[in-house]
Amino acid sequence: DGYAWVPYAVLAAIGGLGFWFWRASTAHGNRSALIDLIEDEQPLSGDERDLLRDANATFLQPERLENVARSTLSSLRADARTEV
């Protein structure tokens, strides 16, 4: 019987489509919940926004940029020395 695999293939396809629709509806529900949370948030005042920006922007400090540049240059030099 050369076609014994057909019902299994059909069931697998139906299962795959069912899983895909379930994932899509779950993702849509999660996205809707996040949108609702974002809409419920209160906007930050100017001072709160500045404090949050300054606390999270350590990469903008000149000392930090110098350290990053120094370590990048040393890495590039080390790579250049190891290349043959």
Protein backbone atom coordinates (compact mmCIF):
# COMPACT_ATOMS: atom_id res chain seq x y z
CA ASP A 1 0.00 0.00 0.00
CA GLY A 2 1.98 2.98 -1.27
CA TYR A 3 -0.39 5.63 0.03
CA ALA A 4 -0.52 4.67 3.70
CA TRP A 5 1.42 7.83 4.58
CA VAL A 6 -1.21 10.22 3.12
CA PRO A 7 -3.52 10.37 6.18
CA TYR A 8 -0.52 11.09 8.39
CA ALA A 9 0.62 13.88 6.07
CA VAL A 10 -2.86 15.39 6.04
CA LEU A 11 -3.10 15.23 9.84
CA ALA A 12 0.36 16.74 10.17
CA ALA A 13 -0.60 19.59 7.84
CA ILE A 14 -3.83 20.23 9.77
CA GLY A 15 -1.90 20.16 13.04
CA GLY A 16 0.71 22.55 11.66
CA LEU A 17 -1.94 25.00 10.51
CA GLY A 18 -3.75 24.73 13.84
CA PHE A 19 -0.51 25.43 15.69
CA TRP A 20 0.25 28.39 13.41
CA PHE A 21 -3.19 29.94 14.00
CA TRP A 22 -2.90 29.35 17.75
CA ARG A 23 0.50 31.08 17.83
CA ALA A 24 -0.81 33.99 15.75
CA SER A 25 -3.82 34.51 18.03
CA THR A 26 -1.64 34.26 21.15
CA ALA A 27 0.80 36.80 19.75
CA HIS A 28 -2.09 39.11 18.86
CA GLY A 29 -3.48 38.81 22.40
CA ASN A 30 -0.07 39.56 23.92
CA ARG A 31 0.39 42.54 21.61
CA SER A 32 -3.06 43.88 22.51
CA ALA A 33 -2.28 43.54 26.21
CA LEU A 34 0.99 45.45 25.77
CA ILE A 35 -0.76 48.19 23.82
CA ASP A 36 -3.31 48.51 26.63
CA LEU A 37 -0.51 48.80 29.20
CA ILE A 38 1.27 51.44 27.16
CA GLU A 39 -1.93 53.45 26.77
CA ASP A 40 -2.47 53.35 30.55
CA GLU A 41 1.01 54.74 31.34
CA GLN A 42 1.31 58.29 32.56
CA PRO A 43 3.77 60.45 30.63
CA LEU A 44 6.95 61.47 32.41
CA SER A 45 7.47 65.05 33.44
CA GLY A 46 10.46 66.92 32.04
CA ASP A 47 12.56 66.39 35.18
CA GLU A 48 11.74 62.67 35.37
CA ARG A 49 12.61 62.24 31.71
CA ASP A 50 15.97 64.00 32.19
CA LEU A 51 16.82 61.91 35.27
CA LEU A 52 15.98 58.69 33.47
CA ARG A 53 17.98 59.70 30.41
CA ASP A 54 21.02 60.66 32.50
CA ALA A 55 20.88 57.44 34.55
CA ASN A 56 20.77 55.27 31.42
CA ALA A 57 23.20 57.23 29.26
CA THR A 58 26.56 56.30 30.78
CA PHE A 59 27.87 55.56 27.29
CA LEU A 60 27.66 59.28 26.49
CA GLN A 61 30.24 60.20 29.11
CA PRO A 62 33.64 61.17 27.62
CA GLU A 63 35.56 58.83 29.94
CA ARG A 64 33.48 55.90 28.79
CA LEU A 65 34.02 56.77 25.13
CA GLU A 66 37.79 57.02 25.69
CA ASN A 67 37.85 53.58 27.34
CA VAL A 68 35.88 52.04 24.50
CA ALA A 69 38.15 53.63 21.89
CA ARG A 70 41.27 52.50 23.76
CA SER A 71 40.08 48.90 24.10
CA THR A 72 38.98 48.82 20.45
CA LEU A 73 42.37 50.03 19.27
CA SER A 74 44.20 47.50 21.44
CA SER A 75 41.97 44.70 20.09
CA LEU A 76 42.62 45.79 16.51
CA ARG A 77 46.36 45.94 17.14
CA ALA A 78 46.30 42.47 18.72
CA ASP A 79 44.37 41.12 15.71
CA ALA A 80 46.85 42.73 13.32
CA ARG A 81 49.77 41.12 15.18
CA THR A 82 48.21 37.65 15.04
CA GLU A 83 47.39 37.80 11.32
CA VAL A 84 49.99 36.23 9.07
